[in-house]
Amino acid sequence: MSTAVTEAQAPTAATPHRKERTGVVVSSKMAKTIVVKVERRVPHPRYKKIVNVSKKFYAHDAEGTAKEGDRVLIRETRPLSRLKRWELVEVLKQH
């Protein structure tokens, strides 16, 4: 029984774990940029009722594949502009 780590199991330092979010595209009118609305269900801090909290993220869409109403997966990346810190990974469901 060997304890050697194979190439597939070895962690890579060049690709750190990045946050991923799923949301709906609310705007795709800009060049190479989409606005994604991500909704979360969280308990209210005082009253504990479950409420919907939403936030908009600006994401880089180089090919322009995402359209308004599409459900997309976005990933955190380096700052690309003043507001863009996310990139489009894939379109999960087209509208």
PDB file of N, CA and C in Angstrom:
ATOM      1  N   MET A   1       0.838  -1.179   0.000  1.00  0.00           N
ATOM      2  CA  MET A   1       0.000   0.000   0.000  1.00  0.00           C
ATOM      3  C   MET A   1       0.883   1.241   0.000  1.00  0.00           C
ATOM      4  N   SER A   2       0.745   2.041  -1.026  1.00  0.00           N
ATOM      5  CA  SER A   2       1.572   3.226  -1.206  1.00  0.00           C
ATOM      6  C   SER A   2       0.831   4.467  -0.726  1.00  0.00           C
ATOM      7  N   THR A   3       1.558   5.425  -0.168  1.00  0.00           N
ATOM      8  CA  THR A   3       0.947   6.667   0.296  1.00  0.00           C
ATOM      9  C   THR A   3       1.311   7.845  -0.599  1.00  0.00           C
ATOM     10  N   ALA A   4       1.793   7.556  -1.793  1.00  0.00           N
ATOM     11  CA  ALA A   4       2.181   8.612  -2.723  1.00  0.00           C
ATOM     12  C   ALA A   4       0.938   9.336  -3.258  1.00  0.00           C
ATOM     13  N   VAL A   5       1.047  10.624  -3.433  1.00  0.00           N
ATOM     14  CA  VAL A   5      -0.053  11.436  -3.950  1.00  0.00           C
ATOM     15  C   VAL A   5       0.044  11.477  -5.468  1.00  0.00           C
ATOM     16  N   THR A   6      -1.060  11.150  -6.121  1.00  0.00           N
ATOM     17  CA  THR A   6      -1.061  11.166  -7.581  1.00  0.00           C
ATOM     18  C   THR A   6      -1.236  12.592  -8.078  1.00  0.00           C
ATOM     19  N   GLU A   7      -1.034  12.791  -9.372  1.00  0.00           N
ATOM     20  CA  GLU A   7      -1.160  14.117  -9.970  1.00  0.00           C
ATOM     21  C   GLU A   7      -2.574  14.673  -9.826  1.00  0.00           C
ATOM     22  N   ALA A   8      -3.590  13.821  -9.939  1.00  0.00           N
ATOM     23  CA  ALA A   8      -4.973  14.284  -9.870  1.00  0.00           C
ATOM     24  C   ALA A   8      -5.343  14.740  -8.464  1.00  0.00           C
ATOM     25  N   GLN A   9      -4.717  14.174  -7.431  1.00  0.00           N
ATOM     26  CA  GLN A   9      -5.050  14.504  -6.059  1.00  0.00           C
ATOM     27  C   GLN A   9      -4.215  15.657  -5.516  1.00  0.00           C
ATOM     28  N   ALA A  10      -3.134  16.002  -6.178  1.00  0.00           N
ATOM     29  CA  ALA A  10      -2.241  17.039  -5.678  1.00  0.00           C
ATOM     30  C   ALA A  10      -2.908  18.412  -5.780  1.00  0.00           C
ATOM     31  N   PRO A  11      -2.898  19.186  -4.682  1.00  0.00           N
ATOM     32  CA  PRO A  11      -3.475  20.522  -4.749  1.00  0.00           C
ATOM     33  C   PRO A  11      -2.592  21.447  -5.572  1.00  0.00           C
ATOM     34  N   THR A  12      -3.222  22.320  -6.335  1.00  0.00           N
ATOM     35  CA  THR A  12      -2.454  23.242  -7.159  1.00  0.00           C
ATOM     36  C   THR A  12      -2.483  24.623  -6.520  1.00  0.00           C
ATOM     37  N   ALA A  13      -1.331  25.212  -6.351  1.00  0.00           N
ATOM     38  CA  ALA A  13      -1.228  26.519  -5.727  1.00  0.00           C
ATOM     39  C   ALA A  13      -1.618  27.632  -6.692  1.00  0.00           C
ATOM     40  N   ALA A  14      -1.568  27.374  -7.989  1.00  0.00           N
ATOM     41  CA  ALA A  14      -1.848  28.407  -8.977  1.00  0.00           C
ATOM     42  C   ALA A  14      -3.344  28.702  -9.108  1.00  0.00           C
ATOM     43  N   THR A  15      -4.219  27.743  -8.758  1.00  0.00           N
ATOM     44  CA  THR A  15      -5.653  27.949  -8.874  1.00  0.00           C
ATOM     45  C   THR A  15      -6.309  27.835  -7.495  1.00  0.00           C
ATOM     46  N   PRO A  16      -6.406  28.940  -6.760  1.00  0.00           N
ATOM     47  CA  PRO A  16      -7.045  28.881  -5.445  1.00  0.00           C
ATOM     48  C   PRO A  16      -8.554  28.724  -5.582  1.00  0.00           C
ATOM     49  N   HIS A  17      -9.191  28.297  -4.505  1.00  0.00           N
ATOM     50  CA  HIS A  17     -10.645  28.139  -4.507  1.00  0.00           C
ATOM     51  C   HIS A  17     -11.285  29.519  -4.586  1.00  0.00           C
ATOM     52  N   ARG A  18     -12.197  29.696  -5.534  1.00  0.00           N
ATOM     53  CA  ARG A  18     -12.867  30.974  -5.717  1.00  0.00           C
ATOM     54  C   ARG A  18     -14.354  30.827  -5.450  1.00  0.00           C
ATOM     55  N   LYS A  19     -14.969  31.887  -4.943  1.00  0.00           N
ATOM     56  CA  LYS A  19     -16.402  31.866  -4.667  1.00  0.00           C
ATOM     57  C   LYS A  19     -17.179  31.744  -5.967  1.00  0.00           C
ATOM     58  N   GLU A  20     -18.276  31.016  -5.910  1.00  0.00           N
ATOM     59  CA  GLU A  20     -19.159  30.887  -7.059  1.00  0.00           C
ATOM     60  C   GLU A  20     -20.575  31.208  -6.615  1.00  0.00           C
ATOM     61  N   ARG A  21     -21.325  31.853  -7.481  1.00  0.00           N
ATOM     62  CA  ARG A  21     -22.702  32.223  -7.194  1.00  0.00           C
ATOM     63  C   ARG A  21     -23.565  31.896  -8.412  1.00  0.00           C
ATOM     64  N   THR A  22     -24.832  31.602  -8.161  1.00  0.00           N
ATOM     65  CA  THR A  22     -25.795  31.349  -9.218  1.00  0.00           C
ATOM     66  C   THR A  22     -26.843  32.437  -9.155  1.00  0.00           C
ATOM     67  N   GLY A  23     -27.167  33.019 -10.311  1.00  0.00           N
ATOM     68  CA  GLY A  23     -28.150  34.091 -10.334  1.00  0.00           C
ATOM     69  C   GLY A  23     -28.781  34.257 -11.694  1.00  0.00           C
ATOM     70  N   VAL A  24     -29.597  35.288 -11.818  1.00  0.00           N
ATOM     71  CA  VAL A  24     -30.325  35.580 -13.042  1.00  0.00           C
ATOM     72  C   VAL A  24     -29.776  36.865 -13.643  1.00  0.00           C
ATOM     73  N   VAL A  25     -29.569  36.852 -14.958  1.00  0.00           N
ATOM     74  CA  VAL A  25     -29.068  38.036 -15.657  1.00  0.00           C
ATOM     75  C   VAL A  25     -30.201  39.056 -15.751  1.00  0.00           C
ATOM     76  N   VAL A  26     -29.953  40.269 -15.226  1.00  0.00           N
ATOM     77  CA  VAL A  26     -30.961  41.327 -15.294  1.00  0.00           C
ATOM     78  C   VAL A  26     -30.625  42.354 -16.368  1.00  0.00           C
ATOM     79  N   SER A  27     -29.362  42.391 -16.818  1.00  0.00           N
ATOM     80  CA  SER A  27     -28.975  43.312 -17.885  1.00  0.00           C
ATOM     81  C   SER A  27     -27.792  42.741 -18.649  1.00  0.00           C
ATOM     82  N   SER A  28     -27.875  42.839 -19.979  1.00  0.00           N
ATOM     83  CA  SER A  28     -26.755  42.409 -20.817  1.00  0.00           C
ATOM     84  C   SER A  28     -26.510  43.439 -21.918  1.00  0.00           C
ATOM     85  N   LYS A  29     -26.795  44.693 -21.618  1.00  0.00           N
ATOM     86  CA  LYS A  29     -26.712  45.752 -22.620  1.00  0.00           C
ATOM     87  C   LYS A  29     -25.303  46.303 -22.792  1.00  0.00           C
ATOM     88  N   MET A  30     -24.427  46.074 -21.823  1.00  0.00           N
ATOM     89  CA  MET A  30     -23.063  46.583 -21.916  1.00  0.00           C
ATOM     90  C   MET A  30     -22.198  45.635 -22.747  1.00  0.00           C
ATOM     91  N   ALA A  31     -21.108  46.157 -23.250  1.00  0.00           N
ATOM     92  CA  ALA A  31     -20.187  45.332 -24.031  1.00  0.00           C
ATOM     93  C   ALA A  31     -19.364  44.462 -23.091  1.00  0.00           C
ATOM     94  N   LYS A  32     -19.447  43.141 -23.257  1.00  0.00           N
ATOM     95  CA  LYS A  32     -18.683  42.156 -22.490  1.00  0.00           C
ATOM     96  C   LYS A  32     -18.975  42.185 -20.994  1.00  0.00           C
ATOM     97  N   THR A  33     -20.110  42.729 -20.592  1.00  0.00           N
ATOM     98  CA  THR A  33     -20.471  42.792 -19.179  1.00  0.00           C
ATOM     99  C   THR A  33     -21.939  42.432 -19.007  1.00  0.00           C
ATOM    100  N   ILE A  34     -22.226  41.651 -17.955  1.00  0.00           N
ATOM    101  CA  ILE A  34     -23.605  41.344 -17.592  1.00  0.00           C
ATOM    102  C   ILE A  34     -23.807  41.718 -16.130  1.00  0.00           C
ATOM    103  N   VAL A  35     -25.057  41.995 -15.770  1.00  0.00           N
ATOM    104  CA  VAL A  35     -25.412  42.259 -14.384  1.00  0.00           C
ATOM    105  C   VAL A  35     -26.228  41.065 -13.912  1.00  0.00           C
ATOM    106  N   VAL A  36     -25.761  40.424 -12.833  1.00  0.00           N
ATOM    107  CA  VAL A  36     -26.394  39.209 -12.339  1.00  0.00           C
ATOM    108  C   VAL A  36     -26.983  39.482 -10.959  1.00  0.00           C
ATOM    109  N   LYS A  37     -28.260  39.152 -10.783  1.00  0.00           N
ATOM    110  CA  LYS A  37     -28.932  39.309  -9.500  1.00  0.00           C
ATOM    111  C   LYS A  37     -28.926  37.970  -8.779  1.00  0.00           C
ATOM    112  N   VAL A  38     -28.312  37.945  -7.606  1.00  0.00           N
ATOM    113  CA  VAL A  38     -28.213  36.722  -6.811  1.00  0.00           C
ATOM    114  C   VAL A  38     -29.108  36.880  -5.588  1.00  0.00           C
ATOM    115  N   GLU A  39     -30.024  35.935  -5.390  1.00  0.00           N
ATOM    116  CA  GLU A  39     -30.931  35.973  -4.242  1.00  0.00           C
ATOM    117  C   GLU A  39     -30.547  34.906  -3.234  1.00  0.00           C
ATOM    118  N   ARG A  40     -30.612  35.293  -1.941  1.00  0.00           N
ATOM    119  CA  ARG A  40     -30.346  34.353  -0.850  1.00  0.00           C
ATOM    120  C   ARG A  40     -31.513  34.402   0.120  1.00  0.00           C
ATOM    121  N   ARG A  41     -31.757  33.299   0.794  1.00  0.00           N
ATOM    122  CA  ARG A  41     -32.782  33.252   1.838  1.00  0.00           C
ATOM    123  C   ARG A  41     -32.063  33.168   3.177  1.00  0.00           C
ATOM    124  N   VAL A  42     -32.228  34.208   4.001  1.00  0.00           N
ATOM    125  CA  VAL A  42     -31.535  34.266   5.287  1.00  0.00           C
ATOM    126  C   VAL A  42     -32.525  34.649   6.378  1.00  0.00           C
ATOM    127  N   PRO A  43     -32.284  34.205   7.614  1.00  0.00           N
ATOM    128  CA  PRO A  43     -33.162  34.620   8.714  1.00  0.00           C
ATOM    129  C   PRO A  43     -32.864  36.067   9.127  1.00  0.00           C
ATOM    130  N   HIS A  44     -33.919  36.800   9.443  1.00  0.00           N
ATOM    131  CA  HIS A  44     -33.760  38.171   9.924  1.00  0.00           C
ATOM    132  C   HIS A  44     -32.984  38.134  11.250  1.00  0.00           C
ATOM    133  N   PRO A  45     -32.037  39.059  11.445  1.00  0.00           N
ATOM    134  CA  PRO A  45     -31.195  39.010  12.646  1.00  0.00           C
ATOM    135  C   PRO A  45     -31.977  39.044  13.963  1.00  0.00           C
ATOM    136  N   ARG A  46     -33.029  39.837  14.016  1.00  0.00           N
ATOM    137  CA  ARG A  46     -33.779  39.936  15.273  1.00  0.00           C
ATOM    138  C   ARG A  46     -35.008  39.049  15.297  1.00  0.00           C
ATOM    139  N   TYR A  47     -35.777  39.061  14.224  1.00  0.00           N
ATOM    140  CA  TYR A  47     -37.086  38.394  14.245  1.00  0.00           C
ATOM    141  C   TYR A  47     -37.065  36.972  13.717  1.00  0.00           C
ATOM    142  N   LYS A  48     -35.961  36.541  13.133  1.00  0.00           N
ATOM    143  CA  LYS A  48     -35.751  35.164  12.679  1.00  0.00           C
ATOM    144  C   LYS A  48     -36.667  34.711  11.552  1.00  0.00           C
ATOM    145  N   LYS A  49     -37.444  35.621  10.978  1.00  0.00           N
ATOM    146  CA  LYS A  49     -38.260  35.262   9.819  1.00  0.00           C
ATOM    147  C   LYS A  49     -37.337  35.128   8.613  1.00  0.00           C
ATOM    148  N   ILE A  50     -37.596  34.156   7.756  1.00  0.00           N
ATOM    149  CA  ILE A  50     -36.792  33.957   6.560  1.00  0.00           C
ATOM    150  C   ILE A  50     -37.169  35.028   5.538  1.00  0.00           C
ATOM    151  N   VAL A  51     -36.167  35.794   5.107  1.00  0.00           N
ATOM    152  CA  VAL A  51     -36.399  36.853   4.127  1.00  0.00           C
ATOM    153  C   VAL A  51     -35.485  36.643   2.931  1.00  0.00           C
ATOM    154  N   ASN A  52     -35.919  37.145   1.762  1.00  0.00           N
ATOM    155  CA  ASN A  52     -35.101  37.074   0.555  1.00  0.00           C
ATOM    156  C   ASN A  52     -34.212  38.307   0.481  1.00  0.00           C
ATOM    157  N   VAL A  53     -32.920  38.091   0.346  1.00  0.00           N
ATOM    158  CA  VAL A  53     -31.953  39.171   0.217  1.00  0.00           C
ATOM    159  C   VAL A  53     -31.318  39.037  -1.155  1.00  0.00           C
ATOM    160  N   SER A  54     -31.270  40.141  -1.907  1.00  0.00           N
ATOM    161  CA  SER A  54     -30.684  40.063  -3.241  1.00  0.00           C
ATOM    162  C   SER A  54     -29.548  41.063  -3.366  1.00  0.00           C
ATOM    163  N   LYS A  55     -28.624  40.740  -4.259  1.00  0.00           N
ATOM    164  CA  LYS A  55     -27.482  41.600  -4.537  1.00  0.00           C
ATOM    165  C   LYS A  55     -27.136  41.468  -6.007  1.00  0.00           C
ATOM    166  N   LYS A  56     -26.683  42.573  -6.604  1.00  0.00           N
ATOM    167  CA  LYS A  56     -26.302  42.546  -8.014  1.00  0.00           C
ATOM    168  C   LYS A  56     -24.787  42.491  -8.137  1.00  0.00           C
ATOM    169  N   PHE A  57     -24.326  41.683  -9.075  1.00  0.00           N
ATOM    170  CA  PHE A  57     -22.906  41.552  -9.362  1.00  0.00           C
ATOM    171  C   PHE A  57     -22.667  41.860 -10.834  1.00  0.00           C
ATOM    172  N   TYR A  58     -21.595  42.582 -11.118  1.00  0.00           N
ATOM    173  CA  TYR A  58     -21.186  42.835 -12.498  1.00  0.00           C
ATOM    174  C   TYR A  58     -20.196  41.736 -12.873  1.00  0.00           C
ATOM    175  N   ALA A  59     -20.454  41.046 -13.972  1.00  0.00           N
ATOM    176  CA  ALA A  59     -19.624  39.913 -14.373  1.00  0.00           C
ATOM    177  C   ALA A  59     -19.133  40.092 -15.805  1.00  0.00           C
ATOM    178  N   HIS A  60     -17.945  39.574 -16.061  1.00  0.00           N
ATOM    179  CA  HIS A  60     -17.333  39.654 -17.387  1.00  0.00           C
ATOM    180  C   HIS A  60     -17.856  38.523 -18.261  1.00  0.00           C
ATOM    181  N   ASP A  61     -18.401  38.889 -19.422  1.00  0.00           N
ATOM    182  CA  ASP A  61     -18.925  37.921 -20.386  1.00  0.00           C
ATOM    183  C   ASP A  61     -18.259  38.222 -21.726  1.00  0.00           C
ATOM    184  N   ALA A  62     -17.092  37.635 -21.955  1.00  0.00           N
ATOM    185  CA  ALA A  62     -16.270  37.971 -23.121  1.00  0.00           C
ATOM    186  C   ALA A  62     -16.965  37.651 -24.442  1.00  0.00           C
ATOM    187  N   GLU A  63     -17.650  36.508 -24.529  1.00  0.00           N
ATOM    188  CA  GLU A  63     -18.281  36.108 -25.787  1.00  0.00           C
ATOM    189  C   GLU A  63     -19.680  36.683 -25.959  1.00  0.00           C
ATOM    190  N   GLY A  64     -20.264  37.221 -24.910  1.00  0.00           N
ATOM    191  CA  GLY A  64     -21.625  37.753 -24.997  1.00  0.00           C
ATOM    192  C   GLY A  64     -22.670  36.667 -25.108  1.00  0.00           C
ATOM    193  N   THR A  65     -22.466  35.537 -24.437  1.00  0.00           N
ATOM    194  CA  THR A  65     -23.387  34.402 -24.553  1.00  0.00           C
ATOM    195  C   THR A  65     -24.629  34.549 -23.686  1.00  0.00           C
ATOM    196  N   ALA A  66     -24.544  35.236 -22.562  1.00  0.00           N
ATOM    197  CA  ALA A  66     -25.677  35.347 -21.640  1.00  0.00           C
ATOM    198  C   ALA A  66     -26.612  36.468 -22.063  1.00  0.00           C
ATOM    199  N   LYS A  67     -27.899  36.198 -21.971  1.00  0.00           N
ATOM    200  CA  LYS A  67     -28.931  37.183 -22.288  1.00  0.00           C
ATOM    201  C   LYS A  67     -29.796  37.417 -21.049  1.00  0.00           C
ATOM    202  N   GLU A  68     -30.616  38.462 -21.089  1.00  0.00           N
ATOM    203  CA  GLU A  68     -31.482  38.769 -19.953  1.00  0.00           C
ATOM    204  C   GLU A  68     -32.429  37.609 -19.673  1.00  0.00           C
ATOM    205  N   GLY A  69     -32.572  37.274 -18.383  1.00  0.00           N
ATOM    206  CA  GLY A  69     -33.453  36.187 -17.970  1.00  0.00           C
ATOM    207  C   GLY A  69     -32.761  34.850 -17.834  1.00  0.00           C
ATOM    208  N   ASP A  70     -31.534  34.710 -18.329  1.00  0.00           N
ATOM    209  CA  ASP A  70     -30.798  33.448 -18.219  1.00  0.00           C
ATOM    210  C   ASP A  70     -30.322  33.217 -16.794  1.00  0.00           C
ATOM    211  N   ARG A  71     -30.316  31.944 -16.376  1.00  0.00           N
ATOM    212  CA  ARG A  71     -29.723  31.582 -15.088  1.00  0.00           C
ATOM    213  C   ARG A  71     -28.273  31.213 -15.373  1.00  0.00           C
ATOM    214  N   VAL A  72     -27.325  31.864 -14.637  1.00  0.00           N
ATOM    215  CA  VAL A  72     -25.906  31.707 -14.919  1.00  0.00           C
ATOM    216  C   VAL A  72     -25.115  31.393 -13.654  1.00  0.00           C
ATOM    217  N   LEU A  73     -23.929  30.846 -13.869  1.00  0.00           N
ATOM    218  CA  LEU A  73     -22.974  30.587 -12.798  1.00  0.00           C
ATOM    219  C   LEU A  73     -21.820  31.555 -12.990  1.00  0.00           C
ATOM    220  N   ILE A  74     -21.488  32.319 -11.926  1.00  0.00           N
ATOM    221  CA  ILE A  74     -20.379  33.266 -11.998  1.00  0.00           C
ATOM    222  C   ILE A  74     -19.348  32.914 -10.941  1.00  0.00           C
ATOM    223  N   ARG A  75     -18.089  33.291 -11.217  1.00  0.00           N
ATOM    224  CA  ARG A  75     -16.978  32.971 -10.310  1.00  0.00           C
ATOM    225  C   ARG A  75     -16.197  34.248 -10.013  1.00  0.00           C
ATOM    226  N   GLU A  76     -15.714  34.353  -8.781  1.00  0.00           N
ATOM    227  CA  GLU A  76     -14.917  35.494  -8.368  1.00  0.00           C
ATOM    228  C   GLU A  76     -13.578  35.500  -9.110  1.00  0.00           C
ATOM    229  N   THR A  77     -13.102  36.691  -9.478  1.00  0.00           N
ATOM    230  CA  THR A  77     -11.842  36.814 -10.187  1.00  0.00           C
ATOM    231  C   THR A  77     -11.161  38.117  -9.765  1.00  0.00           C
ATOM    232  N   ARG A  78     -10.029  38.401 -10.374  1.00  0.00           N
ATOM    233  CA  ARG A  78      -9.326  39.644 -10.055  1.00  0.00           C
ATOM    234  C   ARG A  78     -10.149  40.834 -10.537  1.00  0.00           C
ATOM    235  N   PRO A  79      -9.925  42.024 -10.009  1.00  0.00           N
ATOM    236  CA  PRO A  79     -10.674  43.182 -10.480  1.00  0.00           C
ATOM    237  C   PRO A  79     -10.407  43.459 -11.962  1.00  0.00           C
ATOM    238  N   LEU A  80     -11.472  43.536 -12.739  1.00  0.00           N
ATOM    239  CA  LEU A  80     -11.363  43.797 -14.167  1.00  0.00           C
ATOM    240  C   LEU A  80     -11.695  45.246 -14.499  1.00  0.00           C
ATOM    241  N   SER A  81     -12.460  45.910 -13.651  1.00  0.00           N
ATOM    242  CA  SER A  81     -12.782  47.322 -13.812  1.00  0.00           C
ATOM    243  C   SER A  81     -13.206  47.844 -12.442  1.00  0.00           C
ATOM    244  N   ARG A  82     -13.787  49.035 -12.423  1.00  0.00           N
ATOM    245  CA  ARG A  82     -14.180  49.630 -11.143  1.00  0.00           C
ATOM    246  C   ARG A  82     -15.219  48.780 -10.410  1.00  0.00           C
ATOM    247  N   LEU A  83     -16.125  48.146 -11.150  1.00  0.00           N
ATOM    248  CA  LEU A  83     -17.191  47.357 -10.538  1.00  0.00           C
ATOM    249  C   LEU A  83     -17.092  45.855 -10.795  1.00  0.00           C
ATOM    250  N   LYS A  84     -16.384  45.438 -11.838  1.00  0.00           N
ATOM    251  CA  LYS A  84     -16.357  44.024 -12.222  1.00  0.00           C
ATOM    252  C   LYS A  84     -15.312  43.243 -11.451  1.00  0.00           C
ATOM    253  N   ARG A  85     -15.786  42.259 -10.651  1.00  0.00           N
ATOM    254  CA  ARG A  85     -14.906  41.352  -9.924  1.00  0.00           C
ATOM    255  C   ARG A  85     -15.327  39.900 -10.107  1.00  0.00           C
ATOM    256  N   TRP A  86     -16.213  39.632 -11.069  1.00  0.00           N
ATOM    257  CA  TRP A  86     -16.733  38.296 -11.321  1.00  0.00           C
ATOM    258  C   TRP A  86     -16.637  37.991 -12.804  1.00  0.00           C
ATOM    259  N   GLU A  87     -16.618  36.695 -13.143  1.00  0.00           N
ATOM    260  CA  GLU A  87     -16.591  36.266 -14.531  1.00  0.00           C
ATOM    261  C   GLU A  87     -17.644  35.196 -14.742  1.00  0.00           C
ATOM    262  N   LEU A  88     -18.179  35.147 -15.952  1.00  0.00           N
ATOM    263  CA  LEU A  88     -19.177  34.147 -16.308  1.00  0.00           C
ATOM    264  C   LEU A  88     -18.494  32.799 -16.508  1.00  0.00           C
ATOM    265  N   VAL A  89     -19.011  31.772 -15.820  1.00  0.00           N
ATOM    266  CA  VAL A  89     -18.479  30.417 -15.979  1.00  0.00           C
ATOM    267  C   VAL A  89     -19.301  29.681 -17.029  1.00  0.00           C
ATOM    268  N   GLU A  90     -20.630  29.668 -16.851  1.00  0.00           N
ATOM    269  CA  GLU A  90     -21.490  28.998 -17.822  1.00  0.00           C
ATOM    270  C   GLU A  90     -22.925  29.477 -17.683  1.00  0.00           C
ATOM    271  N   VAL A  91     -23.675  29.318 -18.763  1.00  0.00           N
ATOM    272  CA  VAL A  91     -25.099  29.608 -18.750  1.00  0.00           C
ATOM    273  C   VAL A  91     -25.782  28.304 -18.373  1.00  0.00           C
ATOM    274  N   LEU A  92     -26.466  28.286 -17.227  1.00  0.00           N
ATOM    275  CA  LEU A  92     -27.100  27.056 -16.739  1.00  0.00           C
ATOM    276  C   LEU A  92     -28.447  26.797 -17.419  1.00  0.00           C
ATOM    277  N   LYS A  93     -29.232  27.860 -17.616  1.00  0.00           N
ATOM    278  CA  LYS A  93     -30.545  27.705 -18.226  1.00  0.00           C
ATOM    279  C   LYS A  93     -30.860  28.951 -19.027  1.00  0.00           C
ATOM    280  N   GLN A  94     -31.184  28.753 -20.301  1.00  0.00           N
ATOM    281  CA  GLN A  94     -31.516  29.897 -21.145  1.00  0.00           C
ATOM    282  C   GLN A  94     -32.976  30.253 -21.014  1.00  0.00           C
ATOM    283  N   HIS A  95     -33.251  31.540 -21.093  1.00  0.00           N
ATOM    284  CA  HIS A  95     -34.626  32.042 -20.952  1.00  0.00           C
ATOM    285  C   HIS A  95     -35.397  31.905 -22.232  1.00  0.00           C
TER     286      HIS A  95
END
